[in-house]
mmCIF file of all heavy atoms, coordinates in Angstrom:
data_MODEL
# 
_entry.id   MODEL 
# 
loop_
_atom_site.group_PDB 
_atom_site.id 
_atom_site.type_symbol 
_atom_site.label_atom_id 
_atom_site.label_alt_id 
_atom_site.label_comp_id 
_atom_site.label_asym_id 
_atom_site.label_entity_id 
_atom_site.label_seq_id 
_atom_site.pdbx_PDB_ins_code 
_atom_site.Cartn_x 
_atom_site.Cartn_y 
_atom_site.Cartn_z 
_atom_site.occupancy 
_atom_site.B_iso_or_equiv 
_atom_site.pdbx_formal_charge 
_atom_site.auth_seq_id 
_atom_site.auth_comp_id 
_atom_site.auth_asym_id 
_atom_site.auth_atom_id 
_atom_site.pdbx_PDB_model_num 
ATOM 1   N N   . ALA A 1 1  ? 0.844  -1.199  0.000   1.00 0.00 ? 1  ALA A N   1 
ATOM 2   C CA  . ALA A 1 1  ? 0.000  0.000   0.000   1.00 0.00 ? 1  ALA A CA  1 
ATOM 3   C C   . ALA A 1 1  ? 0.880  1.249   0.000   1.00 0.00 ? 1  ALA A C   1 
ATOM 4   O O   . ALA A 1 1  ? 0.889  2.044   0.938   1.00 0.00 ? 1  ALA A O   1 
ATOM 5   C CB  . ALA A 1 1  ? -0.930 -0.009  1.211   1.00 0.00 ? 1  ALA A CB  1 
ATOM 6   N N   . LEU A 1 2  ? 1.647  1.433   -1.058  1.00 0.00 ? 2  LEU A N   1 
ATOM 7   C CA  . LEU A 1 2  ? 2.549  2.570   -1.204  1.00 0.00 ? 2  LEU A CA  1 
ATOM 8   C C   . LEU A 1 2  ? 2.101  3.411   -2.389  1.00 0.00 ? 2  LEU A C   1 
ATOM 9   O O   . LEU A 1 2  ? 1.718  2.880   -3.430  1.00 0.00 ? 2  LEU A O   1 
ATOM 10  C CB  . LEU A 1 2  ? 3.993  2.105   -1.409  1.00 0.00 ? 2  LEU A CB  1 
ATOM 11  C CG  . LEU A 1 2  ? 4.604  1.252   -0.283  1.00 0.00 ? 2  LEU A CG  1 
ATOM 12  C CD1 . LEU A 1 2  ? 6.004  0.793   -0.678  1.00 0.00 ? 2  LEU A CD1 1 
ATOM 13  C CD2 . LEU A 1 2  ? 4.668  2.050   1.012   1.00 0.00 ? 2  LEU A CD2 1 
ATOM 14  N N   . ALA A 1 3  ? 2.155  4.732   -2.222  1.00 0.00 ? 3  ALA A N   1 
ATOM 15  C CA  . ALA A 1 3  ? 1.737  5.655   -3.266  1.00 0.00 ? 3  ALA A CA  1 
ATOM 16  C C   . ALA A 1 3  ? 2.934  6.096   -4.103  1.00 0.00 ? 3  ALA A C   1 
ATOM 17  O O   . ALA A 1 3  ? 4.004  6.376   -3.562  1.00 0.00 ? 3  ALA A O   1 
ATOM 18  C CB  . ALA A 1 3  ? 1.054  6.883   -2.650  1.00 0.00 ? 3  ALA A CB  1 
ATOM 19  N N   . TRP A 1 4  ? 2.741  6.153   -5.419  1.00 0.00 ? 4  TRP A N   1 
ATOM 20  C CA  . TRP A 1 4  ? 3.776  6.596   -6.345  1.00 0.00 ? 4  TRP A CA  1 
ATOM 21  C C   . TRP A 1 4  ? 3.606  8.077   -6.650  1.00 0.00 ? 4  TRP A C   1 
ATOM 22  O O   . TRP A 1 4  ? 2.490  8.553   -6.841  1.00 0.00 ? 4  TRP A O   1 
ATOM 23  C CB  . TRP A 1 4  ? 3.731  5.787   -7.647  1.00 0.00 ? 4  TRP A CB  1 
ATOM 24  C CG  . TRP A 1 4  ? 4.087  4.348   -7.473  1.00 0.00 ? 4  TRP A CG  1 
ATOM 25  C CD1 . TRP A 1 4  ? 3.234  3.315   -7.236  1.00 0.00 ? 4  TRP A CD1 1 
ATOM 26  C CD2 . TRP A 1 4  ? 5.396  3.786   -7.520  1.00 0.00 ? 4  TRP A CD2 1 
ATOM 27  N NE1 . TRP A 1 4  ? 3.926  2.142   -7.142  1.00 0.00 ? 4  TRP A NE1 1 
ATOM 28  C CE2 . TRP A 1 4  ? 5.263  2.396   -7.308  1.00 0.00 ? 4  TRP A CE2 1 
ATOM 29  C CE3 . TRP A 1 4  ? 6.673  4.306   -7.724  1.00 0.00 ? 4  TRP A CE3 1 
ATOM 30  C CZ2 . TRP A 1 4  ? 6.347  1.526   -7.291  1.00 0.00 ? 4  TRP A CZ2 1 
ATOM 31  C CZ3 . TRP A 1 4  ? 7.759  3.443   -7.703  1.00 0.00 ? 4  TRP A CZ3 1 
ATOM 32  C CH2 . TRP A 1 4  ? 7.597  2.075   -7.489  1.00 0.00 ? 4  TRP A CH2 1 
ATOM 33  N N   . ALA A 1 5  ? 4.726  8.792   -6.694  1.00 0.00 ? 5  ALA A N   1 
ATOM 34  C CA  . ALA A 1 5  ? 4.725  10.219  -7.002  1.00 0.00 ? 5  ALA A CA  1 
ATOM 35  C C   . ALA A 1 5  ? 5.824  10.516  -8.009  1.00 0.00 ? 5  ALA A C   1 
ATOM 36  O O   . ALA A 1 5  ? 6.879  9.870   -8.002  1.00 0.00 ? 5  ALA A O   1 
ATOM 37  C CB  . ALA A 1 5  ? 4.917  11.055  -5.742  1.00 0.00 ? 5  ALA A CB  1 
ATOM 38  N N   . SER A 1 6  ? 5.585  11.482  -8.889  1.00 0.00 ? 6  SER A N   1 
ATOM 39  C CA  . SER A 1 6  ? 6.578  11.884  -9.884  1.00 0.00 ? 6  SER A CA  1 
ATOM 40  C C   . SER A 1 6  ? 7.587  12.823  -9.237  1.00 0.00 ? 6  SER A C   1 
ATOM 41  O O   . SER A 1 6  ? 7.215  13.884  -8.723  1.00 0.00 ? 6  SER A O   1 
ATOM 42  C CB  . SER A 1 6  ? 5.902  12.569  -11.068 1.00 0.00 ? 6  SER A CB  1 
ATOM 43  O OG  . SER A 1 6  ? 5.052  11.691  -11.757 1.00 0.00 ? 6  SER A OG  1 
ATOM 44  N N   . VAL A 1 7  ? 8.859  12.453  -9.271  1.00 0.00 ? 7  VAL A N   1 
ATOM 45  C CA  . VAL A 1 7  ? 9.933  13.245  -8.683  1.00 0.00 ? 7  VAL A CA  1 
ATOM 46  C C   . VAL A 1 7  ? 11.119 13.233  -9.642  1.00 0.00 ? 7  VAL A C   1 
ATOM 47  O O   . VAL A 1 7  ? 11.724 12.177  -9.870  1.00 0.00 ? 7  VAL A O   1 
ATOM 48  C CB  . VAL A 1 7  ? 10.370 12.708  -7.307  1.00 0.00 ? 7  VAL A CB  1 
ATOM 49  C CG1 . VAL A 1 7  ? 11.472 13.601  -6.727  1.00 0.00 ? 7  VAL A CG1 1 
ATOM 50  C CG2 . VAL A 1 7  ? 9.205  12.617  -6.343  1.00 0.00 ? 7  VAL A CG2 1 
ATOM 51  N N   . GLY A 1 8  ? 11.432 14.382  -10.203 1.00 0.00 ? 8  GLY A N   1 
ATOM 52  C CA  . GLY A 1 8  ? 12.631 14.490  -11.028 1.00 0.00 ? 8  GLY A CA  1 
ATOM 53  C C   . GLY A 1 8  ? 12.679 13.534  -12.194 1.00 0.00 ? 8  GLY A C   1 
ATOM 54  O O   . GLY A 1 8  ? 13.728 12.935  -12.455 1.00 0.00 ? 8  GLY A O   1 
ATOM 55  N N   . GLY A 1 9  ? 11.563 13.340  -12.899 1.00 0.00 ? 9  GLY A N   1 
ATOM 56  C CA  . GLY A 1 9  ? 11.533 12.452  -14.049 1.00 0.00 ? 9  GLY A CA  1 
ATOM 57  C C   . GLY A 1 9  ? 11.433 10.979  -13.711 1.00 0.00 ? 9  GLY A C   1 
ATOM 58  O O   . GLY A 1 9  ? 11.566 10.136  -14.604 1.00 0.00 ? 9  GLY A O   1 
ATOM 59  N N   . ALA A 1 10 ? 11.212 10.638  -12.463 1.00 0.00 ? 10 ALA A N   1 
ATOM 60  C CA  . ALA A 1 10 ? 11.082 9.250   -12.031 1.00 0.00 ? 10 ALA A CA  1 
ATOM 61  C C   . ALA A 1 10 ? 9.828  9.102   -11.182 1.00 0.00 ? 10 ALA A C   1 
ATOM 62  O O   . ALA A 1 10 ? 9.270  10.080  -10.679 1.00 0.00 ? 10 ALA A O   1 
ATOM 63  C CB  . ALA A 1 10 ? 12.314 8.801   -11.242 1.00 0.00 ? 10 ALA A CB  1 
ATOM 64  N N   . GLN A 1 11 ? 9.363  7.864   -11.035 1.00 0.00 ? 11 GLN A N   1 
ATOM 65  C CA  . GLN A 1 11 ? 8.278  7.540   -10.132 1.00 0.00 ? 11 GLN A CA  1 
ATOM 66  C C   . GLN A 1 11 ? 8.874  6.990   -8.835  1.00 0.00 ? 11 GLN A C   1 
ATOM 67  O O   . GLN A 1 11 ? 9.647  6.033   -8.855  1.00 0.00 ? 11 GLN A O   1 
ATOM 68  C CB  . GLN A 1 11 ? 7.337  6.518   -10.755 1.00 0.00 ? 11 GLN A CB  1 
ATOM 69  C CG  . GLN A 1 11 ? 6.571  7.033   -11.975 1.00 0.00 ? 11 GLN A CG  1 
ATOM 70  C CD  . GLN A 1 11 ? 5.539  8.067   -11.601 1.00 0.00 ? 11 GLN A CD  1 
ATOM 71  O OE1 . GLN A 1 11 ? 4.753  7.876   -10.666 1.00 0.00 ? 11 GLN A OE1 1 
ATOM 72  N NE2 . GLN A 1 11 ? 5.538  9.181   -12.317 1.00 0.00 ? 11 GLN A NE2 1 
ATOM 73  N N   . VAL A 1 12 ? 8.537  7.637   -7.703  1.00 0.00 ? 12 VAL A N   1 
ATOM 74  C CA  . VAL A 1 12 ? 9.135  7.297   -6.421  1.00 0.00 ? 12 VAL A CA  1 
ATOM 75  C C   . VAL A 1 12 ? 8.032  6.941   -5.425  1.00 0.00 ? 12 VAL A C   1 
ATOM 76  O O   . VAL A 1 12 ? 7.027  7.656   -5.320  1.00 0.00 ? 12 VAL A O   1 
ATOM 77  C CB  . VAL A 1 12 ? 9.991  8.451   -5.875  1.00 0.00 ? 12 VAL A CB  1 
ATOM 78  C CG1 . VAL A 1 12 ? 10.585 8.086   -4.509  1.00 0.00 ? 12 VAL A CG1 1 
ATOM 79  C CG2 . VAL A 1 12 ? 11.106 8.799   -6.853  1.00 0.00 ? 12 VAL A CG2 1 
ATOM 80  N N   . ALA A 1 13 ? 8.213  5.835   -4.710  1.00 0.00 ? 13 ALA A N   1 
ATOM 81  C CA  . ALA A 1 13 ? 7.324  5.435   -3.620  1.00 0.00 ? 13 ALA A CA  1 
ATOM 82  C C   . ALA A 1 13 ? 8.164  5.329   -2.346  1.00 0.00 ? 13 ALA A C   1 
ATOM 83  O O   . ALA A 1 13 ? 9.199  4.663   -2.342  1.00 0.00 ? 13 ALA A O   1 
ATOM 84  C CB  . ALA A 1 13 ? 6.638  4.108   -3.917  1.00 0.00 ? 13 ALA A CB  1 
ATOM 85  N N   . ARG A 1 14 ? 7.734  6.007   -1.261  1.00 0.00 ? 14 ARG A N   1 
ATOM 86  C CA  . ARG A 1 14 ? 8.469  6.019   -0.004  1.00 0.00 ? 14 ARG A CA  1 
ATOM 87  C C   . ARG A 1 14 ? 7.734  5.192   1.039   1.00 0.00 ? 14 ARG A C   1 
ATOM 88  O O   . ARG A 1 14 ? 6.504  5.160   1.079   1.00 0.00 ? 14 ARG A O   1 
ATOM 89  C CB  . ARG A 1 14 ? 8.656  7.449   0.496   1.00 0.00 ? 14 ARG A CB  1 
ATOM 90  C CG  . ARG A 1 14 ? 9.399  8.365   -0.489  1.00 0.00 ? 14 ARG A CG  1 
ATOM 91  C CD  . ARG A 1 14 ? 9.669  9.721   0.127   1.00 0.00 ? 14 ARG A CD  1 
ATOM 92  N NE  . ARG A 1 14 ? 10.409 10.608  -0.787  1.00 0.00 ? 14 ARG A NE  1 
ATOM 93  C CZ  . ARG A 1 14 ? 9.885  11.632  -1.397  1.00 0.00 ? 14 ARG A CZ  1 
ATOM 94  N NH1 . ARG A 1 14 ? 8.588  11.906  -1.221  1.00 0.00 ? 14 ARG A NH1 1 
ATOM 95  N NH2 . ARG A 1 14 ? 10.614 12.387  -2.221  1.00 0.00 ? 14 ARG A NH2 1 
ATOM 96  N N   . GLY A 1 15 ? 8.505  4.530   1.902   1.00 0.00 ? 15 GLY A N   1 
ATOM 97  C CA  . GLY A 1 15 ? 7.921  3.720   2.951   1.00 0.00 ? 15 GLY A CA  1 
ATOM 98  C C   . GLY A 1 15 ? 8.822  3.626   4.164   1.00 0.00 ? 15 GLY A C   1 
ATOM 99  O O   . GLY A 1 15 ? 9.954  4.126   4.168   1.00 0.00 ? 15 GLY A O   1 
ATOM 100 N N   . GLY A 1 16 ? 8.289  2.995   5.216   1.00 0.00 ? 16 GLY A N   1 
ATOM 101 C CA  . GLY A 1 16 ? 9.035  2.854   6.461   1.00 0.00 ? 16 GLY A CA  1 
ATOM 102 C C   . GLY A 1 16 ? 8.955  1.450   7.007   1.00 0.00 ? 16 GLY A C   1 
ATOM 103 O O   . GLY A 1 16 ? 8.456  0.524   6.343   1.00 0.00 ? 16 GLY A O   1 
ATOM 104 N N   . LEU A 1 17 ? 9.425  1.275   8.228   1.00 0.00 ? 17 LEU A N   1 
ATOM 105 C CA  . LEU A 1 17 ? 9.464  -0.047  8.839   1.00 0.00 ? 17 LEU A CA  1 
ATOM 106 C C   . LEU A 1 17 ? 8.078  -0.640  9.013   1.00 0.00 ? 17 LEU A C   1 
ATOM 107 O O   . LEU A 1 17 ? 7.909  -1.861  8.893   1.00 0.00 ? 17 LEU A O   1 
ATOM 108 C CB  . LEU A 1 17 ? 10.186 0.025   10.190  1.00 0.00 ? 17 LEU A CB  1 
ATOM 109 C CG  . LEU A 1 17 ? 11.675 -0.346  10.152  1.00 0.00 ? 17 LEU A CG  1 
ATOM 110 C CD1 . LEU A 1 17 ? 12.451 0.700   9.386   1.00 0.00 ? 17 LEU A CD1 1 
ATOM 111 C CD2 . LEU A 1 17 ? 12.214 -0.498  11.564  1.00 0.00 ? 17 LEU A CD2 1 
ATOM 112 N N   . SER A 1 18 ? 7.068  0.198   9.279   1.00 0.00 ? 18 SER A N   1 
ATOM 113 C CA  . SER A 1 18 ? 5.722  -0.324  9.470   1.00 0.00 ? 18 SER A CA  1 
ATOM 114 C C   . SER A 1 18 ? 5.205  -0.991  8.196   1.00 0.00 ? 18 SER A C   1 
ATOM 115 O O   . SER A 1 18 ? 4.479  -1.990  8.261   1.00 0.00 ? 18 SER A O   1 
ATOM 116 C CB  . SER A 1 18 ? 4.772  0.802   9.898   1.00 0.00 ? 18 SER A CB  1 
ATOM 117 O OG  . SER A 1 18 ? 4.740  1.842   8.925   1.00 0.00 ? 18 SER A OG  1 
ATOM 118 N N   . ASP A 1 19 ? 5.561  -0.463  7.023   1.00 0.00 ? 19 ASP A N   1 
ATOM 119 C CA  . ASP A 1 19 ? 5.154  -1.069  5.763   1.00 0.00 ? 19 ASP A CA  1 
ATOM 120 C C   . ASP A 1 19 ? 5.807  -2.440  5.578   1.00 0.00 ? 19 ASP A C   1 
ATOM 121 O O   . ASP A 1 19 ? 5.156  -3.395  5.137   1.00 0.00 ? 19 ASP A O   1 
ATOM 122 C CB  . ASP A 1 19 ? 5.516  -0.153  4.591   1.00 0.00 ? 19 ASP A CB  1 
ATOM 123 C CG  . ASP A 1 19 ? 4.824  1.191   4.665   1.00 0.00 ? 19 ASP A CG  1 
ATOM 124 O OD1 . ASP A 1 19 ? 3.592  1.231   4.579   1.00 0.00 ? 19 ASP A OD1 1 
ATOM 125 O OD2 . ASP A 1 19 ? 5.528  2.209   4.835   1.00 0.00 ? 19 ASP A OD2 1 
ATOM 126 N N   . LEU A 1 20 ? 7.074  -2.542  5.905   1.00 0.00 ? 20 LEU A N   1 
ATOM 127 C CA  . LEU A 1 20 ? 7.774  -3.817  5.771   1.00 0.00 ? 20 LEU A CA  1 
ATOM 128 C C   . LEU A 1 20 ? 7.256  -4.844  6.767   1.00 0.00 ? 20 LEU A C   1 
ATOM 129 O O   . LEU A 1 20 ? 7.145  -6.028  6.453   1.00 0.00 ? 20 LEU A O   1 
ATOM 130 C CB  . LEU A 1 20 ? 9.278  -3.604  5.951   1.00 0.00 ? 20 LEU A CB  1 
ATOM 131 C CG  . LEU A 1 20 ? 9.950  -2.667  4.938   1.00 0.00 ? 20 LEU A CG  1 
ATOM 132 C CD1 . LEU A 1 20 ? 11.415 -2.447  5.303   1.00 0.00 ? 20 LEU A CD1 1 
ATOM 133 C CD2 . LEU A 1 20 ? 9.834  -3.220  3.524   1.00 0.00 ? 20 LEU A CD2 1 
ATOM 134 N N   . THR A 1 21 ? 6.928  -4.389  7.964   1.00 0.00 ? 21 THR A N   1 
ATOM 135 C CA  . THR A 1 21 ? 6.380  -5.298  8.967   1.00 0.00 ? 21 THR A CA  1 
ATOM 136 C C   . THR A 1 21 ? 5.003  -5.795  8.559   1.00 0.00 ? 21 THR A C   1 
ATOM 137 O O   . THR A 1 21 ? 4.679  -6.978  8.708   1.00 0.00 ? 21 THR A O   1 
ATOM 138 C CB  . THR A 1 21 ? 6.314  -4.595  10.330  1.00 0.00 ? 21 THR A CB  1 
ATOM 139 O OG1 . THR A 1 21 ? 7.619  -4.137  10.704  1.00 0.00 ? 21 THR A OG1 1 
ATOM 140 C CG2 . THR A 1 21 ? 5.806  -5.548  11.398  1.00 0.00 ? 21 THR A CG2 1 
ATOM 141 N N   . ALA A 1 22 ? 4.157  -4.889  8.002   1.00 0.00 ? 22 ALA A N   1 
ATOM 142 C CA  . ALA A 1 22 ? 2.819  -5.273  7.566   1.00 0.00 ? 22 ALA A CA  1 
ATOM 143 C C   . ALA A 1 22 ? 2.859  -6.293  6.440   1.00 0.00 ? 22 ALA A C   1 
ATOM 144 O O   . ALA A 1 22 ? 1.967  -7.132  6.319   1.00 0.00 ? 22 ALA A O   1 
ATOM 145 C CB  . ALA A 1 22 ? 2.036  -4.033  7.139   1.00 0.00 ? 22 ALA A CB  1 
ATOM 146 N N   . LEU A 1 23 ? 3.886  -6.241  5.609   1.00 0.00 ? 23 LEU A N   1 
ATOM 147 C CA  . LEU A 1 23 ? 4.043  -7.190  4.501   1.00 0.00 ? 23 LEU A CA  1 
ATOM 148 C C   . LEU A 1 23 ? 4.684  -8.499  4.952   1.00 0.00 ? 23 LEU A C   1 
ATOM 149 O O   . LEU A 1 23 ? 4.867  -9.408  4.135   1.00 0.00 ? 23 LEU A O   1 
ATOM 150 C CB  . LEU A 1 23 ? 4.883  -6.566  3.391   1.00 0.00 ? 23 LEU A CB  1 
ATOM 151 C CG  . LEU A 1 23 ? 4.255  -5.389  2.640   1.00 0.00 ? 23 LEU A CG  1 
ATOM 152 C CD1 . LEU A 1 23 ? 5.288  -4.709  1.746   1.00 0.00 ? 23 LEU A CD1 1 
ATOM 153 C CD2 . LEU A 1 23 ? 3.062  -5.841  1.813   1.00 0.00 ? 23 LEU A CD2 1 
ATOM 154 N N   . GLY A 1 24 ? 5.024  -8.607  6.221   1.00 0.00 ? 24 GLY A N   1 
ATOM 155 C CA  . GLY A 1 24 ? 5.658  -9.819  6.721   1.00 0.00 ? 24 GLY A CA  1 
ATOM 156 C C   . GLY A 1 24 ? 7.111  -9.969  6.338   1.00 0.00 ? 24 GLY A C   1 
ATOM 157 O O   . GLY A 1 24 ? 7.669  -11.058 6.422   1.00 0.00 ? 24 GLY A O   1 
ATOM 158 N N   . LEU A 1 25 ? 7.763  -8.862  5.964   1.00 0.00 ? 25 LEU A N   1 
ATOM 159 C CA  . LEU A 1 25 ? 9.155  -8.900  5.536   1.00 0.00 ? 25 LEU A CA  1 
ATOM 160 C C   . LEU A 1 25 ? 10.125 -8.623  6.672   1.00 0.00 ? 25 LEU A C   1 
ATOM 161 O O   . LEU A 1 25 ? 11.326 -8.855  6.537   1.00 0.00 ? 25 LEU A O   1 
ATOM 162 C CB  . LEU A 1 25 ? 9.374  -7.891  4.404   1.00 0.00 ? 25 LEU A CB  1 
ATOM 163 C CG  . LEU A 1 25 ? 8.477  -8.082  3.172   1.00 0.00 ? 25 LEU A CG  1 
ATOM 164 C CD1 . LEU A 1 25 ? 8.675  -6.951  2.177   1.00 0.00 ? 25 LEU A CD1 1 
ATOM 165 C CD2 . LEU A 1 25 ? 8.771  -9.422  2.510   1.00 0.00 ? 25 LEU A CD2 1 
# 
């Protein structure tokens, strides 16, 4: 559940430890 945003000609999605924990990683 990460959102993509246009930054400097690229698509960037930012996340943290809670996202990795929720995915079981």
